[in-house]
Amino acid sequence: METSDDGCSFRGSIRIHMNLTNPISISAQAHCDFHRAPDAERPSQPSPASIVTSFCLPKNTTKVIRISNFDSTQEVIRALLTKFNITDNPRKFVLYEKIKIPGKKASIRQICDGEYPLVICLTWTDGGGTKTLATNKFILRENNSGENEILWKSFNILELESFLSVLNREEAEHIDQVRTKYRKLKTEILKHLQLKRPSPASGRRQAPLFL
């Protein structure tokens, strides 16, 4: 933690857990950085800003950014996206605070735009004055409307094409699972039907079995 000369402002680092389900758009260089160790240094020469790619962020991705006590929630989100060359609109994301106290159920709430995450971080204690930085966390998620509707108009062509690709793959997998399920059920039913039919020796004519 660093305090300024005026004694009114200070700077510190916070870790943000990026819990995203939709693909994000980033520069080609940032794509490489996300697959390096979390604390790896970035190269001094950046890639052209015009080179953008879209991909799904790996699970449990965390990033550390340095902010001040005067940085609001939206400014923190904007700083995070800018630092790692994420080109998505900051309004697509919201920041959450997850509080976990031993012996109690964890609580999570959306942090309002007018709040200051670094100040919030300094209030994290277990009620007895002990800091709980190891158990509490900031979580970045997609910003869905109150009706859980996705704002498709805010996505670019590359993102929409990526969504379609993911949906097509999931649809094909689901169709294959459904076909496999009913193929097994059909086989099982035909097996029991065969057992219940009278044998030819009983003198009855057995109906043909169609598979």
Protein backbone atom coordinates (compact mmCIF):
# COMPACT_ATOMS: atom_id res chain seq x y z
CA MET A 1 0.00 0.00 0.00
CA GLU A 2 1.39 3.42 -0.97
CA THR A 3 0.13 6.69 0.50
CA SER A 4 0.41 9.93 -1.46
CA ASP A 5 2.13 13.04 -0.13
CA ASP A 6 -1.20 14.75 0.56
CA GLY A 7 -2.20 11.89 2.86
CA CYS A 8 -5.67 11.75 1.33
CA SER A 9 -5.16 9.14 -1.37
CA PHE A 10 -3.38 5.82 -1.51
CA ARG A 11 -2.75 3.04 -3.99
CA GLY A 12 -2.76 -0.72 -3.66
CA SER A 13 -3.22 -3.96 -5.58
CA ILE A 14 -6.32 -6.13 -5.75
CA ARG A 15 -6.81 -9.55 -7.31
CA ILE A 16 -9.86 -10.06 -9.54
CA HIS A 17 -11.25 -13.51 -10.35
CA MET A 18 -12.60 -13.46 -13.92
CA ASN A 19 -15.58 -15.81 -13.89
CA LEU A 20 -16.78 -15.39 -17.49
CA THR A 21 -18.85 -17.81 -19.57
CA ASN A 22 -18.93 -15.91 -22.87
CA PRO A 23 -15.94 -15.36 -25.17
CA ILE A 24 -14.04 -12.09 -24.83
CA SER A 25 -12.30 -10.03 -27.52
CA ILE A 26 -8.64 -9.21 -26.93
CA SER A 27 -5.58 -8.23 -28.94
CA ALA A 28 -3.33 -10.99 -30.27
CA GLN A 29 -0.58 -10.10 -27.77
CA ALA A 30 -2.96 -10.21 -24.81
CA HIS A 31 -4.10 -13.68 -25.94
CA CYS A 32 -0.51 -14.87 -25.43
CA ASP A 33 -0.29 -13.18 -22.02
CA PHE A 34 -3.40 -14.99 -20.72
CA HIS A 35 -1.70 -18.34 -21.35
CA ARG A 36 1.45 -17.40 -19.46
CA ALA A 37 2.04 -17.60 -15.72
CA PRO A 38 -0.20 -15.09 -13.89
CA ASP A 39 2.72 -12.91 -12.77
CA ALA A 40 4.74 -13.12 -15.99
CA GLU A 41 6.05 -9.85 -17.33
CA ARG A 42 4.54 -8.58 -20.53
CA PRO A 43 6.84 -7.76 -23.47
CA SER A 44 7.76 -4.11 -23.90
CA GLN A 45 6.67 -3.99 -27.54
CA PRO A 46 2.86 -4.34 -27.84
CA SER A 47 1.05 -5.84 -30.79
CA PRO A 48 -0.98 -3.68 -33.15
CA ALA A 49 -4.32 -2.77 -31.59
CA SER A 50 -6.11 -3.72 -34.79
CA ILE A 51 -5.29 -7.43 -34.35
CA VAL A 52 -8.20 -8.77 -32.31
CA THR A 53 -9.21 -12.32 -31.54
CA SER A 54 -12.06 -13.86 -29.58
CA PHE A 55 -11.71 -16.79 -27.19
CA CYS A 56 -13.14 -18.27 -24.00
CA LEU A 57 -11.20 -17.33 -20.90
CA PRO A 58 -9.79 -20.34 -18.98
CA LYS A 59 -11.50 -21.17 -15.73
CA ASN A 60 -10.04 -19.81 -12.49
CA THR A 61 -8.25 -16.97 -14.29
CA THR A 62 -7.14 -14.25 -11.87
CA LYS A 63 -5.51 -10.90 -12.60
CA VAL A 64 -3.90 -8.35 -10.30
CA ILE A 65 -4.24 -4.63 -10.97
CA ARG A 66 -3.01 -1.58 -9.09
CA ILE A 67 -5.65 1.05 -8.28
CA SER A 68 -6.28 3.98 -5.96
CA ASN A 69 -8.89 4.54 -3.28
CA PHE A 70 -10.60 7.04 -5.61
CA ASP A 71 -11.10 4.50 -8.44
CA SER A 72 -14.77 3.58 -8.71
CA THR A 73 -16.09 0.16 -9.72
CA GLN A 74 -16.47 1.13 -13.39
CA GLU A 75 -12.99 2.66 -13.41
CA VAL A 76 -11.56 -0.54 -11.96
CA ILE A 77 -13.29 -2.66 -14.62
CA ARG A 78 -12.08 -0.28 -17.32
CA ALA A 79 -8.52 -0.40 -15.94
CA LEU A 80 -8.58 -4.21 -15.90
CA LEU A 81 -9.75 -4.42 -19.51
CA THR A 82 -7.26 -1.81 -20.66
CA LYS A 83 -4.30 -3.42 -18.90
CA PHE A 84 -4.88 -6.74 -20.63
CA ASN A 85 -6.01 -5.28 -23.98
CA ILE A 86 -9.56 -6.60 -23.70
CA THR A 87 -11.54 -4.68 -26.31
CA ASP A 88 -15.06 -5.44 -25.03
CA ASN A 89 -17.28 -2.65 -23.75
CA PRO A 90 -16.73 -2.25 -19.97
CA ARG A 91 -20.52 -2.08 -19.54
CA LYS A 92 -20.68 -5.77 -20.47
CA PHE A 93 -19.19 -6.65 -17.09
CA VAL A 94 -20.01 -6.21 -13.42
CA LEU A 95 -17.89 -6.65 -10.31
CA TYR A 96 -19.01 -8.75 -7.35
CA GLU A 97 -17.76 -9.00 -3.79
CA LYS A 98 -17.71 -12.48 -2.24
CA ILE A 99 -17.46 -12.62 1.54
CA LYS A 100 -16.64 -15.89 3.28
CA ILE A 101 -16.38 -16.07 7.06
CA PRO A 102 -15.42 -19.42 8.69
CA GLY A 103 -18.46 -21.18 10.05
CA LYS A 104 -20.88 -19.10 8.00
CA LYS A 105 -22.35 -19.32 4.51
CA ALA A 106 -20.54 -17.25 1.90
CA SER A 107 -22.38 -14.17 0.63
CA ILE A 108 -22.01 -12.44 -2.72
CA ARG A 109 -23.26 -9.07 -3.88
CA GLN A 110 -22.87 -6.84 -6.90
CA ILE A 111 -20.70 -3.79 -6.24
CA CYS A 112 -22.38 -0.54 -7.32
CA ASP A 113 -20.71 1.83 -9.76
CA GLY A 114 -20.32 4.48 -7.08
CA GLU A 115 -18.35 2.25 -4.69
CA TYR A 116 -14.57 1.98 -4.40
CA PRO A 117 -13.15 -1.57 -4.48
CA LEU A 118 -9.84 -0.73 -2.80
CA VAL A 119 -11.70 0.81 0.15
CA ILE A 120 -13.98 -2.23 0.28
CA CYS A 121 -10.94 -4.48 0.37
CA LEU A 122 -9.63 -2.69 3.46
CA THR A 123 -12.88 -3.46 5.32
CA TRP A 124 -12.52 -7.22 4.91
CA THR A 125 -12.27 -8.60 8.44
CA ASP A 126 -13.85 -11.48 10.32
CA GLY A 127 -15.56 -9.15 12.77
CA GLY A 128 -12.74 -9.46 15.28
CA GLY A 129 -10.27 -7.30 13.43
CA THR A 130 -8.54 -10.18 11.60
CA LYS A 131 -8.05 -9.57 7.88
CA THR A 132 -9.79 -12.04 5.56
CA LEU A 133 -8.05 -11.23 2.27
CA ALA A 134 -7.33 -14.93 1.68
CA THR A 135 -11.00 -15.94 1.75
CA ASN A 136 -12.78 -12.88 0.36
CA LYS A 137 -12.53 -12.03 -3.32
CA PHE A 138 -13.59 -9.78 -6.18
CA ILE A 139 -15.31 -11.57 -9.07
CA LEU A 140 -15.83 -10.21 -12.59
CA ARG A 141 -18.90 -11.53 -14.42
CA GLU A 142 -20.99 -10.73 -17.47
CA ASN A 143 -23.57 -7.99 -17.04
CA ASN A 144 -27.00 -9.52 -17.71
CA SER A 145 -30.22 -7.58 -17.45
CA GLY A 146 -32.74 -8.19 -14.70
CA GLU A 147 -34.54 -10.69 -16.93
CA ASN A 148 -31.27 -12.59 -17.54
CA GLU A 149 -31.42 -11.59 -21.19
CA ILE A 150 -28.18 -11.24 -23.12
CA LEU A 151 -27.67 -7.88 -24.81
CA TRP A 152 -26.73 -9.23 -28.23
CA LYS A 153 -26.60 -5.76 -29.80
CA SER A 154 -23.52 -4.93 -27.73
CA PHE A 155 -21.45 -7.75 -29.29
CA ASN A 156 -19.44 -7.38 -32.48
CA ILE A 157 -19.48 -9.71 -35.51
CA LEU A 158 -16.49 -11.73 -34.33
CA GLU A 159 -18.09 -12.39 -30.95
CA LEU A 160 -21.45 -13.35 -32.47
CA GLU A 161 -19.76 -15.79 -34.87
CA SER A 162 -17.89 -17.30 -31.93
CA PHE A 163 -21.18 -17.72 -30.02
CA LEU A 164 -22.72 -19.49 -33.02
CA SER A 165 -19.75 -21.83 -33.24
CA VAL A 166 -20.08 -22.74 -29.57
CA LEU A 167 -23.87 -23.22 -29.88
CA ASN A 168 -23.47 -25.43 -32.97
CA ARG A 169 -20.96 -27.61 -31.17
CA GLU A 170 -23.13 -27.88 -28.05
CA GLU A 171 -26.19 -28.63 -30.19
CA ALA A 172 -24.38 -31.46 -31.99
CA GLU A 173 -23.18 -32.91 -28.67
CA HIS A 174 -26.68 -32.71 -27.18
CA ILE A 175 -28.27 -34.38 -30.23
CA ASP A 176 -25.71 -37.19 -30.03
CA GLN A 177 -26.42 -37.66 -26.31
CA VAL A 178 -30.19 -37.79 -26.90
CA ARG A 179 -29.82 -40.30 -29.74
CA THR A 180 -27.54 -42.50 -27.62
CA LYS A 181 -29.98 -42.34 -24.71
CA TYR A 182 -33.02 -43.40 -26.74
CA ARG A 183 -31.05 -46.01 -28.68
CA LYS A 184 -30.20 -47.69 -25.35
CA LEU A 185 -33.81 -47.42 -24.16
CA LYS A 186 -35.09 -48.92 -27.40
CA THR A 187 -32.65 -51.81 -27.14
CA GLU A 188 -33.69 -52.45 -23.54
CA ILE A 189 -37.42 -52.41 -24.37
CA LEU A 190 -36.96 -54.75 -27.34
CA LYS A 191 -34.97 -57.10 -25.15
CA HIS A 192 -37.75 -57.35 -22.55
CA LEU A 193 -40.38 -57.58 -25.27
CA GLN A 194 -38.54 -60.54 -26.77
CA LEU A 195 -38.46 -62.27 -23.40
CA LYS A 196 -42.21 -61.82 -22.88
CA ARG A 197 -43.22 -63.10 -26.31
CA PRO A 198 -44.21 -66.79 -26.44
CA SER A 199 -41.62 -69.04 -28.03
CA PRO A 200 -42.38 -70.74 -31.41
CA ALA A 201 -42.66 -74.08 -29.60
CA SER A 202 -45.83 -72.87 -27.89
CA GLY A 203 -47.67 -73.14 -31.19
CA ARG A 204 -48.28 -69.46 -31.50
CA ARG A 205 -47.05 -67.50 -34.40
CA GLN A 206 -44.44 -64.94 -33.31
CA ALA A 207 -44.78 -61.51 -34.75
CA PRO A 208 -41.75 -60.23 -36.63
CA LEU A 209 -39.43 -57.98 -34.69
CA PHE A 210 -38.41 -54.78 -36.36
CA LEU A 211 -35.31 -52.95 -35.28
